[in-house]
Protein backbone atom coordinates (compact mmCIF):
# COMPACT_ATOMS: atom_id res chain seq x y z
CA MET A 1 66.61 159.68 173.52
CA TYR A 2 65.46 162.98 173.73
CA LEU A 3 64.67 166.39 172.39
CA LEU A 4 67.18 169.14 173.01
CA GLN A 5 66.04 172.20 171.10
CA PRO A 6 68.17 174.69 173.06
CA LEU A 7 71.26 173.13 171.52
CA ILE A 8 70.65 174.82 168.20
CA LEU A 9 70.26 178.33 169.54
CA PHE A 10 74.00 178.99 169.46
CA VAL A 11 74.28 179.51 165.72
CA THR A 12 72.78 182.40 163.84
CA TYR A 13 72.67 182.34 160.07
CA VAL A 14 71.31 184.67 157.46
CA SER A 15 70.91 183.10 154.07
CA ALA A 16 71.59 184.94 150.85
CA VAL A 17 68.78 185.21 148.38
CA SER A 18 68.27 181.68 147.13
CA VAL A 19 68.11 180.77 143.47
CA PRO A 20 65.55 178.24 142.23
CA ILE A 21 66.95 174.95 140.99
CA THR A 22 65.08 172.00 139.49
CA ILE A 23 66.17 168.40 139.07
CA GLN A 24 64.46 165.55 137.28
CA GLY A 25 63.75 162.43 139.33
CA ALA A 26 62.08 159.11 138.65
CA ASN A 27 58.58 158.40 137.37
CA GLY A 28 58.04 161.87 135.94
CA VAL A 29 58.64 163.65 139.26
CA SER A 30 60.76 166.81 139.29
CA TYR A 31 61.91 168.66 142.40
CA LEU A 32 62.02 172.43 142.69
CA GLY A 33 64.62 173.33 145.31
CA ALA A 34 66.88 176.26 146.05
CA PHE A 35 70.56 177.05 145.58
CA ASP A 36 72.00 178.82 148.63
CA GLU A 37 74.83 180.95 147.26
CA THR A 38 76.33 181.69 150.67
CA LEU A 39 76.77 178.05 151.62
CA ASN A 40 77.14 176.75 148.05
CA GLN A 41 74.42 174.19 148.70
CA ASP A 42 71.42 172.92 146.84
CA ILE A 43 68.53 172.36 149.25
CA PHE A 44 65.42 170.25 148.72
CA GLN A 45 62.96 170.17 151.61
CA GLY A 46 59.54 168.84 152.49
CA VAL A 47 59.59 166.08 149.88
CA PRO A 48 56.86 163.51 150.65
CA PHE A 49 58.04 159.92 151.04
CA GLY A 50 54.85 158.57 152.62
CA GLN A 51 51.19 159.21 152.01
CA PRO A 52 49.59 161.39 154.69
CA PRO A 53 48.81 158.99 157.58
CA VAL A 54 45.38 160.46 158.20
CA GLY A 55 41.84 159.12 158.21
CA SER A 56 41.89 155.37 157.67
CA LEU A 57 45.71 155.48 157.42
CA ARG A 58 46.08 156.81 160.97
CA PHE A 59 47.72 154.11 163.11
CA LYS A 60 48.63 152.15 159.98
CA PRO A 61 52.10 151.28 158.66
CA PRO A 62 53.24 153.96 156.21
CA VAL A 63 52.33 153.77 152.55
CA ALA A 64 54.85 155.00 149.99
CA TRP A 65 54.01 158.31 148.32
CA ALA A 66 53.40 158.27 144.58
CA PRO A 67 52.24 161.05 142.24
CA LYS A 68 48.58 161.01 141.28
CA SER A 69 49.63 161.97 137.78
CA ALA A 70 52.86 162.64 135.93
CA PRO A 71 54.78 164.63 135.03
CA VAL A 72 54.66 166.67 138.20
CA THR A 73 56.99 169.17 139.86
CA LEU A 74 57.12 169.14 143.65
CA ASN A 75 57.79 172.40 145.45
CA ALA A 76 60.71 171.43 147.70
CA THR A 77 61.70 174.91 148.85
CA ALA A 78 60.42 174.77 152.45
CA LEU A 79 60.43 172.33 155.32
CA GLY A 80 57.24 170.44 155.88
CA PRO A 81 55.52 170.45 159.26
CA SER A 82 56.91 168.42 162.13
CA CYS A 83 55.02 165.40 163.40
CA HIS A 84 52.84 165.91 166.47
CA GLN A 85 54.88 166.29 169.66
CA GLY A 86 54.55 165.15 173.26
CA THR A 87 56.14 167.78 175.50
CA SER A 88 57.92 169.93 172.92
CA THR A 89 56.79 173.48 172.19
CA ILE A 90 57.10 173.09 168.42
CA LEU A 91 54.04 174.70 166.86
CA PHE A 92 54.22 173.86 163.14
CA VAL A 93 52.94 170.29 163.35
CA SER A 94 50.65 168.07 161.33
CA GLU A 95 49.72 164.43 160.88
CA ASP A 96 50.77 164.94 157.28
CA CYS A 97 54.44 165.01 158.25
CA LEU A 98 56.19 162.17 156.41
CA THR A 99 58.63 164.29 154.46
CA ILE A 100 62.33 164.10 153.69
CA ASN A 101 65.01 166.76 153.16
CA ILE A 102 68.20 166.69 151.10
CA ARG A 103 71.23 168.99 151.11
CA ARG A 104 74.11 168.61 148.69
CA VAL A 105 77.10 170.50 147.42
CA HIS A 106 75.95 172.79 144.60
CA ASN A 107 75.74 171.19 141.17
CA SER A 108 76.22 167.64 142.39
CA THR A 109 74.88 165.30 139.71
CA SER A 110 74.00 161.64 139.38
CA SER A 111 77.60 161.03 138.37
CA SER A 112 78.94 162.57 141.61
CA ARG A 113 78.12 159.39 143.58
CA LEU A 114 78.76 161.03 146.94
CA PRO A 115 78.39 159.19 150.25
CA VAL A 116 75.04 159.86 151.91
CA MET A 117 74.66 160.61 155.62
CA VAL A 118 71.07 160.06 156.78
CA TRP A 119 70.20 161.57 160.16
CA ILE A 120 67.52 160.12 162.48
CA TYR A 121 66.50 162.58 165.19
CA GLY A 122 66.05 161.79 168.86
CA GLY A 123 63.40 162.98 171.26
CA GLY A 124 62.39 159.90 173.23
CA PHE A 125 60.00 158.69 170.52
CA TYR A 126 57.53 161.35 171.72
CA ASN A 127 59.37 164.53 170.65
CA GLY A 128 61.77 165.41 167.85
CA ASP A 129 62.03 167.06 164.46
CA VAL A 130 64.44 167.91 161.66
CA THR A 131 64.75 171.64 162.35
CA GLU A 132 67.22 170.91 165.13
CA TYR A 133 69.79 169.43 162.77
CA THR A 134 69.69 170.89 159.27
CA GLY A 135 73.21 169.86 158.28
CA ARG A 136 73.84 173.28 156.74
CA LEU A 137 77.16 173.78 158.55
CA LEU A 138 78.19 170.13 158.47
CA LEU A 139 78.28 170.09 154.67
CA PRO A 140 80.77 172.92 154.06
CA LYS A 141 83.07 171.63 156.80
CA ALA A 142 82.96 168.14 155.32
CA ALA A 143 83.77 169.54 151.89
CA SER A 144 86.68 171.58 153.28
CA LEU A 145 88.09 168.38 154.77
CA GLY A 146 87.92 166.71 151.38
CA ASN A 147 84.89 164.61 152.33
CA PRO A 148 81.84 166.14 150.59
CA VAL A 149 78.63 164.27 151.33
CA VAL A 150 74.91 164.42 150.67
CA TYR A 151 72.97 165.03 153.88
CA VAL A 152 69.46 163.68 154.43
CA SER A 153 66.97 164.07 157.27
CA PHE A 154 63.33 163.06 157.59
CA ASN A 155 60.34 163.00 159.92
CA TYR A 156 58.79 159.96 161.54
CA ARG A 157 55.66 159.68 163.66
CA LEU A 158 55.93 160.08 167.43
CA GLY A 159 53.94 159.45 170.59
CA VAL A 160 50.51 157.94 170.16
CA PHE A 161 50.70 158.56 166.39
CA GLY A 162 53.87 156.53 165.88
CA PHE A 163 53.82 154.21 168.87
CA PRO A 164 50.23 153.65 170.03
CA PRO A 165 50.35 152.04 173.48
CA GLY A 166 48.39 149.20 174.98
CA ILE A 167 46.99 145.80 174.11
CA ALA A 168 44.24 147.13 171.85
CA SER A 169 46.78 148.92 169.66
CA ALA A 170 48.97 145.84 169.28
CA SER A 171 45.93 143.68 168.54
CA ALA A 172 45.16 146.02 165.64
CA GLY A 173 48.73 145.66 164.31
CA ALA A 174 49.60 149.25 165.25
CA GLN A 175 53.02 148.76 166.81
CA ASN A 176 56.35 150.43 166.11
CA LEU A 177 54.88 152.55 163.30
CA GLY A 178 57.60 155.19 163.68
CA LEU A 179 60.27 152.57 163.00
CA TYR A 180 58.45 151.59 159.81
CA ASP A 181 58.32 155.28 158.83
CA GLN A 182 62.10 155.35 159.17
CA ARG A 183 62.44 152.24 157.07
CA LEU A 184 60.22 153.71 154.34
CA ALA A 185 62.35 156.87 154.30
CA LEU A 186 65.47 154.73 153.81
CA GLU A 187 63.74 152.93 150.95
CA TRP A 188 63.03 156.33 149.37
CA VAL A 189 66.71 157.25 149.71
CA ASN A 190 67.75 153.98 148.09
CA LYS A 191 65.50 154.59 145.09
CA ASN A 192 65.98 158.33 144.62
CA ILE A 193 69.20 159.68 146.12
CA ALA A 194 71.22 159.15 142.93
CA TYR A 195 69.21 161.94 141.28
CA PHE A 196 70.54 164.28 143.98
CA GLY A 197 74.18 163.26 143.57
CA GLY A 198 74.29 160.54 146.21
CA ASP A 199 75.41 156.95 145.91
CA PRO A 200 72.76 154.47 147.13
CA ALA A 201 75.57 151.99 147.78
CA LYS A 202 77.20 154.43 150.21
CA VAL A 203 74.35 155.29 152.56
CA ARG A 204 75.33 155.65 156.24
CA ILE A 205 72.72 156.24 158.91
CA PHE A 206 73.40 158.12 162.12
CA GLY A 207 71.40 159.43 165.03
CA GLU A 208 71.48 160.54 168.64
CA SER A 209 69.56 159.23 171.63
CA ALA A 210 66.22 157.84 170.42
CA GLY A 211 67.65 158.43 166.96
CA ALA A 212 70.66 156.28 167.86
CA ILE A 213 68.41 153.58 169.27
CA SER A 214 66.47 153.79 166.01
CA VAL A 215 69.69 153.37 164.05
CA SER A 216 70.46 150.21 166.01
CA TYR A 217 66.92 148.91 165.47
CA GLN A 218 67.22 149.50 161.73
CA THR A 219 70.23 147.15 161.73
CA MET A 220 67.97 144.54 163.38
CA TYR A 221 65.20 144.75 160.78
CA ASN A 222 64.13 141.30 159.60
CA GLY A 223 66.86 139.65 161.64
CA GLY A 224 69.54 141.74 159.95
CA ASN A 225 68.35 141.23 156.38
CA ILE A 226 68.11 144.94 155.68
CA GLY A 227 68.06 144.72 151.89
CA GLY A 228 71.18 146.81 151.35
CA LEU A 229 69.49 150.08 152.30
CA PHE A 230 72.57 151.25 154.22
CA HIS A 231 76.10 150.02 154.81
CA GLY A 232 77.30 151.78 157.95
CA ALA A 233 75.86 153.20 161.16
CA ILE A 234 76.91 155.81 163.73
CA ILE A 235 75.19 155.41 167.08
CA GLN A 236 75.43 158.43 169.40
CA SER A 237 74.18 157.78 172.94
CA GLY A 238 71.74 155.00 172.33
CA SER A 239 72.05 151.24 171.76
CA PRO A 240 69.62 148.35 171.29
CA SER A 241 69.18 147.89 175.05
CA SER A 242 69.25 151.60 175.94
CA ARG A 243 65.51 151.76 176.15
CA ASN A 244 63.17 149.38 177.86
CA THR A 245 60.68 147.95 175.38
CA PRO A 246 57.73 146.96 177.56
CA ALA A 247 55.04 144.71 176.17
CA PRO A 248 51.76 146.37 175.14
CA SER A 249 50.28 145.04 178.39
CA ASN A 250 52.76 147.03 180.50
CA ALA A 251 50.95 148.98 183.24
CA ALA A 252 52.15 152.43 182.14
CA ARG A 253 51.22 151.73 178.53
CA GLU A 254 47.76 150.53 179.46
CA ILE A 255 47.30 153.61 181.66
CA ALA A 256 48.36 155.81 178.74
CA TYR A 257 45.92 154.07 176.40
CA GLU A 258 43.01 154.46 178.80
CA PHE A 259 43.88 158.13 179.32
CA ILE A 260 43.77 158.76 175.57
CA VAL A 261 40.53 156.82 175.18
CA ASN A 262 38.87 158.94 177.85
CA ALA A 263 40.35 162.22 176.62
CA THR A 264 39.00 161.64 173.11
CA GLY A 265 35.51 160.70 174.29
CA CYS A 266 35.89 157.10 173.20
CA ALA A 267 35.36 155.34 176.54
CA ASP A 268 31.83 154.19 175.66
CA SER A 269 32.70 153.00 172.18
CA CYS A 270 32.38 149.29 171.40
CA ASP A 271 35.78 149.54 169.67
CA THR A 272 37.87 152.12 171.47
CA PHE A 273 40.84 151.78 169.12
CA GLU A 274 38.80 152.44 166.00
CA CYS A 275 37.19 155.35 167.82
CA ILE A 276 40.50 157.06 168.52
CA ARG A 277 41.61 156.31 164.96
CA TYR A 278 38.92 158.73 163.79
CA ALA A 279 38.99 161.09 166.77
CA PRO A 280 39.39 164.80 165.94
CA ILE A 281 43.06 165.64 165.61
CA SER A 282 42.73 168.49 168.11
CA GLN A 283 41.53 166.08 170.80
CA LEU A 284 44.05 163.36 170.03
CA SER A 285 46.98 165.77 169.85
CA GLN A 286 46.04 167.33 173.18
CA ALA A 287 45.66 163.91 174.79
CA ASN A 288 49.06 162.95 173.41
CA ARG A 289 50.52 165.91 175.30
CA ASP A 290 48.43 165.75 178.47
CA VAL A 291 49.15 162.09 179.18
CA LEU A 292 52.83 162.91 179.71
CA LYS A 293 52.29 165.73 182.20
CA ILE A 294 53.76 165.27 185.66
CA SER A 295 53.95 167.48 188.72
CA SER A 296 56.65 170.14 188.75
CA GLU A 297 58.59 168.56 191.61
CA LEU A 298 59.19 165.49 189.43
CA HIS A 299 60.58 167.43 186.49
CA SER A 300 64.08 166.92 185.18
CA LEU A 301 65.52 168.25 181.93
CA ASP A 302 64.13 165.18 180.22
CA GLN A 303 61.82 162.61 181.75
CA GLY A 304 62.60 159.91 179.21
CA PRO A 305 59.37 157.92 179.71
CA VAL A 306 58.73 154.71 177.81
CA ALA A 307 54.92 154.86 177.82
CA PHE A 308 55.24 155.63 174.10
CA GLY A 309 57.93 153.92 172.08
CA PRO A 310 59.06 150.66 170.57
CA THR A 311 57.46 147.51 171.91
CA VAL A 312 58.06 143.78 171.58
CA VAL A 313 55.36 141.99 169.59
CA PRO A 314 55.82 138.46 168.20
CA GLY A 315 56.13 138.57 164.43
CA ASP A 316 57.17 142.22 164.31
CA SER A 317 59.91 142.91 161.75
CA PHE A 318 61.92 144.99 164.21
CA LEU A 319 61.23 143.67 167.69
CA PRO A 320 59.76 140.16 167.65
CA GLU A 321 61.76 139.59 170.84
CA LYS A 322 63.63 141.73 173.36
CA PRO A 323 66.46 143.75 171.77
CA ALA A 324 69.16 142.14 173.91
CA ASP A 325 68.01 138.66 172.89
CA ILE A 326 68.07 139.64 169.23
CA ILE A 327 71.59 141.07 169.27
CA HIS A 328 73.02 138.33 171.49
CA ASP A 329 71.76 135.87 168.88
CA GLY A 330 73.55 137.79 166.13
CA ARG A 331 70.39 138.81 164.31
CA PHE A 332 71.59 142.18 163.04
CA ALA A 333 73.17 143.47 159.86
CA ASP A 334 76.90 143.08 159.35
CA VAL A 335 77.56 146.77 158.77
CA PRO A 336 80.44 148.69 160.41
CA ILE A 337 79.42 150.81 163.39
CA ILE A 338 80.63 153.65 165.57
CA ASN A 339 78.96 153.57 168.98
CA GLY A 340 79.68 156.23 171.59
CA VAL A 341 78.47 157.82 174.80
CA GLN A 342 78.77 160.98 176.86
CA PHE A 343 80.71 160.99 180.12
CA ASP A 344 77.67 162.08 182.18
CA GLU A 345 74.72 160.54 180.34
CA GLY A 346 72.34 160.40 183.30
CA THR A 347 72.30 163.97 184.60
CA ALA A 348 69.61 165.19 182.18
CA PHE A 349 67.17 162.53 183.37
CA SER A 350 67.57 162.74 187.13
CA GLY A 351 64.93 164.47 189.19
CA ASN A 352 64.71 165.69 192.75
CA THR A 353 65.33 162.59 194.83
CA SER A 354 66.29 163.02 198.48
CA THR A 355 66.16 159.47 199.84
CA THR A 356 66.89 155.94 198.70
CA GLN A 357 63.15 155.28 198.60
CA ASP A 358 62.76 158.27 196.28
CA VAL A 359 65.29 156.68 193.92
CA ILE A 360 63.43 153.37 193.95
CA GLY A 361 60.13 155.16 193.32
CA TRP A 362 61.64 157.13 190.45
CA LEU A 363 62.97 154.02 188.71
CA THR A 364 59.81 151.92 189.18
CA SER A 365 57.20 154.60 188.48
CA THR A 366 54.23 153.63 186.32
CA ARG A 367 53.21 157.22 185.56
CA PRO A 368 53.07 157.51 181.75
CA GLY A 369 55.09 160.75 181.94
CA LEU A 370 57.76 159.20 184.14
CA THR A 371 58.30 155.51 183.59
CA PHE A 372 61.46 153.59 182.83
CA GLY A 373 59.46 150.38 182.46
CA ILE A 374 61.17 148.60 185.37
CA SER A 375 59.03 146.43 187.61
CA ASP A 376 61.68 144.33 189.37
CA ASP A 377 62.00 145.94 192.81
CA ALA A 378 64.41 143.26 194.00
CA ALA A 379 66.83 143.92 191.15
CA ILE A 380 66.60 147.66 191.80
CA ARG A 381 67.56 147.15 195.44
CA GLN A 382 70.50 144.98 194.40
CA LEU A 383 71.51 147.65 191.90
CA LEU A 384 71.56 150.34 194.58
CA ALA A 385 74.19 148.38 196.50
CA TYR A 386 76.57 149.02 193.60
CA TYR A 387 76.01 152.78 193.87
CA PRO A 388 76.81 153.94 197.42
CA ASP A 389 75.08 157.00 198.82
CA ASP A 390 78.23 159.07 198.38
CA PRO A 391 78.11 162.24 196.23
CA THR A 392 81.84 161.99 195.48
CA LEU A 393 81.11 158.84 193.44
CA GLY A 394 78.13 160.27 191.56
CA SER A 395 77.59 162.06 188.29
CA PRO A 396 78.72 164.53 187.12
CA TYR A 397 81.85 162.54 187.78
CA GLY A 398 84.90 164.21 189.24
CA SER A 399 82.88 166.95 190.95
CA GLY A 400 83.65 165.84 194.49
CA SER A 401 81.00 166.35 197.15
CA GLU A 402 79.39 169.31 195.33
CA LEU A 403 75.61 168.88 195.01
CA PHE A 404 74.98 171.98 192.85
CA GLY A 405 71.99 172.88 195.00
CA ARG A 406 70.24 169.63 194.12
CA PRO A 407 68.85 167.07 196.62
CA GLN A 408 71.06 164.49 198.27
CA GLN A 409 70.37 161.65 195.81
CA TYR A 410 70.75 163.65 192.57
CA LYS A 411 74.28 162.53 191.73
CA ARG A 412 73.63 158.97 192.79
CA LEU A 413 70.54 158.70 190.60
CA SER A 414 72.39 160.38 187.72
CA SER A 415 75.09 157.74 187.88
CA ILE A 416 72.55 154.91 188.01
CA VAL A 417 70.45 156.24 185.15
CA GLY A 418 73.47 156.97 182.96
CA ASP A 419 74.76 153.42 183.36
CA LEU A 420 71.32 151.85 183.14
CA LEU A 421 70.21 153.59 179.95
CA PHE A 422 73.43 154.18 178.08
CA GLN A 423 76.78 152.95 179.38
CA SER A 424 75.81 149.31 179.90
CA ALA A 425 73.93 149.13 176.59
CA HIS A 426 76.88 150.73 174.78
CA ARG A 427 79.37 148.23 176.20
CA ASP A 428 77.09 145.24 175.62
CA HIS A 429 76.42 146.25 172.02
CA LEU A 430 80.09 146.74 171.15
CA ARG A 431 81.13 143.46 172.75
CA THR A 432 78.40 141.62 170.90
CA ALA A 433 79.10 143.26 167.55
CA THR A 434 82.80 142.50 167.92
CA LYS A 435 82.02 138.88 168.84
CA PHE A 436 80.09 138.49 165.58
CA GLY A 437 82.87 140.04 163.50
CA VAL A 438 81.37 143.48 162.89
CA ASN A 439 83.95 146.25 162.48
CA SER A 440 83.21 148.47 165.48
CA TRP A 441 84.62 151.66 166.96
CA SER A 442 83.85 153.20 170.36
CA TYR A 443 84.13 156.72 171.74
CA THR A 444 83.49 158.45 175.03
CA PHE A 445 82.84 162.17 174.75
CA THR A 446 84.57 163.91 177.65
CA GLN A 447 84.49 167.57 176.58
CA PHE A 448 82.67 169.76 179.09
CA ILE A 449 80.98 172.78 177.56
CA PRO A 450 81.71 175.92 179.61
CA THR A 451 79.03 177.29 181.89
CA THR A 452 79.22 180.62 180.06
CA LEU A 453 76.90 178.98 177.54
CA PRO A 454 73.14 178.52 178.15
CA PRO A 455 71.81 176.74 181.27
CA TYR A 456 71.51 173.46 179.41
CA PHE A 457 75.24 173.16 180.06
CA ALA A 458 75.32 174.24 183.70
CA ALA A 459 77.95 172.51 185.81
CA GLN A 460 75.37 170.24 187.45
CA TYR A 461 74.95 168.39 184.14
CA GLY A 462 78.63 167.73 183.43
CA VAL A 463 79.42 166.29 180.01
CA ARG A 464 75.76 165.75 179.38
CA HIS A 465 73.56 163.81 177.05
CA ALA A 466 73.46 165.21 173.48
CA GLY A 467 76.31 167.68 173.97
CA GLU A 468 78.32 166.03 171.20
CA THR A 469 75.77 167.05 168.57
CA LEU A 470 77.10 170.62 168.72
CA PHE A 471 80.43 169.27 167.49
CA VAL A 472 79.09 166.79 164.96
CA PHE A 473 76.98 169.49 163.29
CA GLN A 474 79.48 172.36 163.69
CA ASN A 475 76.90 174.23 165.79
CA LEU A 476 79.30 175.73 168.34
CA PRO A 477 78.87 179.38 169.29
CA ILE A 478 81.15 181.82 167.52
CA ASN A 479 82.98 182.57 170.79
CA ALA A 480 83.80 178.92 171.47
CA PRO A 481 87.37 178.34 172.71
CA PRO A 482 89.83 177.26 169.98
CA GLU A 483 90.23 173.76 171.43
CA MET A 484 86.48 173.20 171.11
CA THR A 485 86.47 174.39 167.51
CA ARG A 486 89.39 172.09 166.77
CA LEU A 487 87.52 169.20 168.40
CA ALA A 488 84.46 169.90 166.23
CA ASP A 489 86.63 169.66 163.13
CA THR A 490 88.15 166.43 164.43
CA VAL A 491 84.73 164.89 165.04
CA THR A 492 83.49 165.93 161.60
CA ASN A 493 86.64 164.48 160.07
CA TYR A 494 86.12 161.14 161.80
CA TRP A 495 82.39 161.01 160.99
CA THR A 496 82.71 161.91 157.31
CA SER A 497 85.76 159.68 156.85
CA PHE A 498 83.58 156.85 158.09
CA ALA A 499 80.98 157.90 155.53
CA TYR A 500 83.60 157.53 152.80
CA ASN A 501 85.59 154.50 153.91
CA LEU A 502 83.55 152.73 156.61
CA ASP A 503 86.54 153.49 158.80
CA PRO A 504 86.73 156.74 160.81
CA ASN A 505 90.46 157.18 160.31
CA PRO A 506 91.02 159.90 157.69
CA ILE A 507 93.11 159.14 154.64
CA GLY A 508 93.33 162.77 153.50
CA SER A 509 95.86 165.45 154.36
CA ARG A 510 94.36 166.25 157.76
CA LYS A 511 95.42 163.51 160.17
CA GLU A 512 93.87 162.70 163.52
CA VAL A 513 94.74 160.43 166.43
CA TYR A 514 94.56 156.88 165.11
CA TRP A 515 91.30 155.28 166.21
CA PRO A 516 91.58 151.48 166.58
CA LYS A 517 88.62 149.14 166.50
CA TYR A 518 87.01 148.24 169.81
CA GLY A 519 88.28 144.69 169.64
CA ALA A 520 89.08 142.29 172.46
CA ASN A 521 90.90 145.08 174.31
CA ALA A 522 87.74 147.23 174.53
CA THR A 523 89.57 150.24 173.11
CA SER A 524 87.68 153.51 173.04
CA LEU A 525 88.53 157.05 171.95
CA SER A 526 88.22 159.86 174.48
CA LEU A 527 87.04 162.97 172.62
CA GLN A 528 88.15 166.08 174.45
CA GLY A 529 89.42 169.38 173.10
CA GLY A 530 93.21 169.41 173.04
CA ASN A 531 93.36 165.88 174.44
CA VAL A 532 92.00 163.24 172.07
CA THR A 533 93.41 160.00 173.48
CA LEU A 534 92.80 156.28 173.64
CA MET A 535 91.22 154.75 176.72
CA LYS A 536 90.00 151.34 177.84
CA ASP A 537 86.26 150.92 178.11
CA ASP A 538 86.30 149.39 181.58
CA TYR A 539 85.11 152.14 183.93
CA ARG A 540 82.59 151.18 186.62
CA GLN A 541 83.15 147.57 185.68
CA ALA A 542 81.24 145.96 188.56
CA GLN A 543 78.21 148.23 188.17
CA ILE A 544 77.91 147.83 184.43
CA GLU A 545 78.48 144.07 184.53
CA PHE A 546 75.67 143.77 187.06
CA ILE A 547 73.30 145.68 184.80
CA ILE A 548 74.23 143.68 181.69
CA GLY A 549 73.70 140.48 183.65
CA ASN A 550 70.23 141.48 184.89
CA PRO A 551 67.98 141.98 181.85
CA SER A 552 64.95 142.73 184.02
CA LEU A 553 66.50 146.17 184.55
CA TYR A 554 66.57 147.16 180.89
CA ASN A 555 64.73 144.54 178.86
């Protein structure tokens, strides 16, 4: 759910001198972009889809952008700023961040009617931006496979700006704003993408981690009545129940709200929420970062806290009830899905735990910077019985008794967190979608990335969270082993074939291992270089069934 900037450092790219290109859109709006001769792509960046959410529009649902006068030409030659971050080191940020980016094969026209792949970034709903995943290498590979597409990415508000915590925020109607930003971006795509060569009837949304959770939530909008904004979804390491959605009154969320109120000098205000609405951006942005700080001994690669993020509020268009209740009732769009996970999902989120009590404390913490939103101690203790204190059974799986220099409980906690956040939600979602007749495919990514690459892929993390994005976006290092390069091409072929046919099995000249639907047999595809095979999605059956059957752990 979670920001992984180091992933993009593998690829270096020097663009040729770009050539200006202008297209005419709707309502007298033209777009000045750039033609990249090296990649044979037309690029349009930083296009506003929402009015700047500043001043009185801070903490409000997004308002569609419209020109003040027409005709007008928008300069779309550079990325806009990212939205304000929580723990990320991204510097080019602004509240005025609701912009969208489009890449297409050069000279695509409204008659091209290409499928559109819309990416939603992850980052835990408190970090994330579009610069991680530009799509610049995905497009040429897709075209070489006979599957040219239009690629779209956009920003949405994060942290306190997109998901204000606490009862006061919900009382003011300021919940799940980032999800509404996403929805507004999809509405923009529906209305405008034809001018860029895309087919609004062939929009597929995909995302990783918090982006994948967002994808699943978009299918749940208005009980599944999504208005035809998209017709397929790829969900990479994140499902409806992957993230706890505590009520605004949750202890960690109330603590976060009070911290922000105090940090912005609003504690003595008669209306603290309205006070922080107009607080100086420097103070609010700093509070947004400071509230997530934790002591160094608690650090893991990614804390994954839920102090900021989607929340259940009666009447909300996305989450009027708990996600599991919504999907189990069949209130989601009937659009084909691919839903997959990494083999070792939990390793990035596990901290330094030495005892069983440390594990319990980690999972039930109410610190805003380290909270999974679980308050059921009894269920946690029952859960631990399914995960013996035996490193040979922990994650990274298959690593024997090796602890990689980490404390005794590291592998145990990694296994628990991976199943709790991802594996159980993945299995539950696919079963439920299949039950309601949705065409569904499953994968498990099992390709370990060699330790010769940066520390993000050290052996202690195994086949870790977000590793598949290197393959999806063709972002492997130039010295990657041939089997990894071949796997990247296979993944791109499956993904873009799905964009074309709502079925990942290619119909072109390049064939892949046939990928059956999940179905009653719970069939999944194991994605590993040189060994793409079918597998049954039944590993750790007892553990995952216990989690699915105990909603207090994830709901």
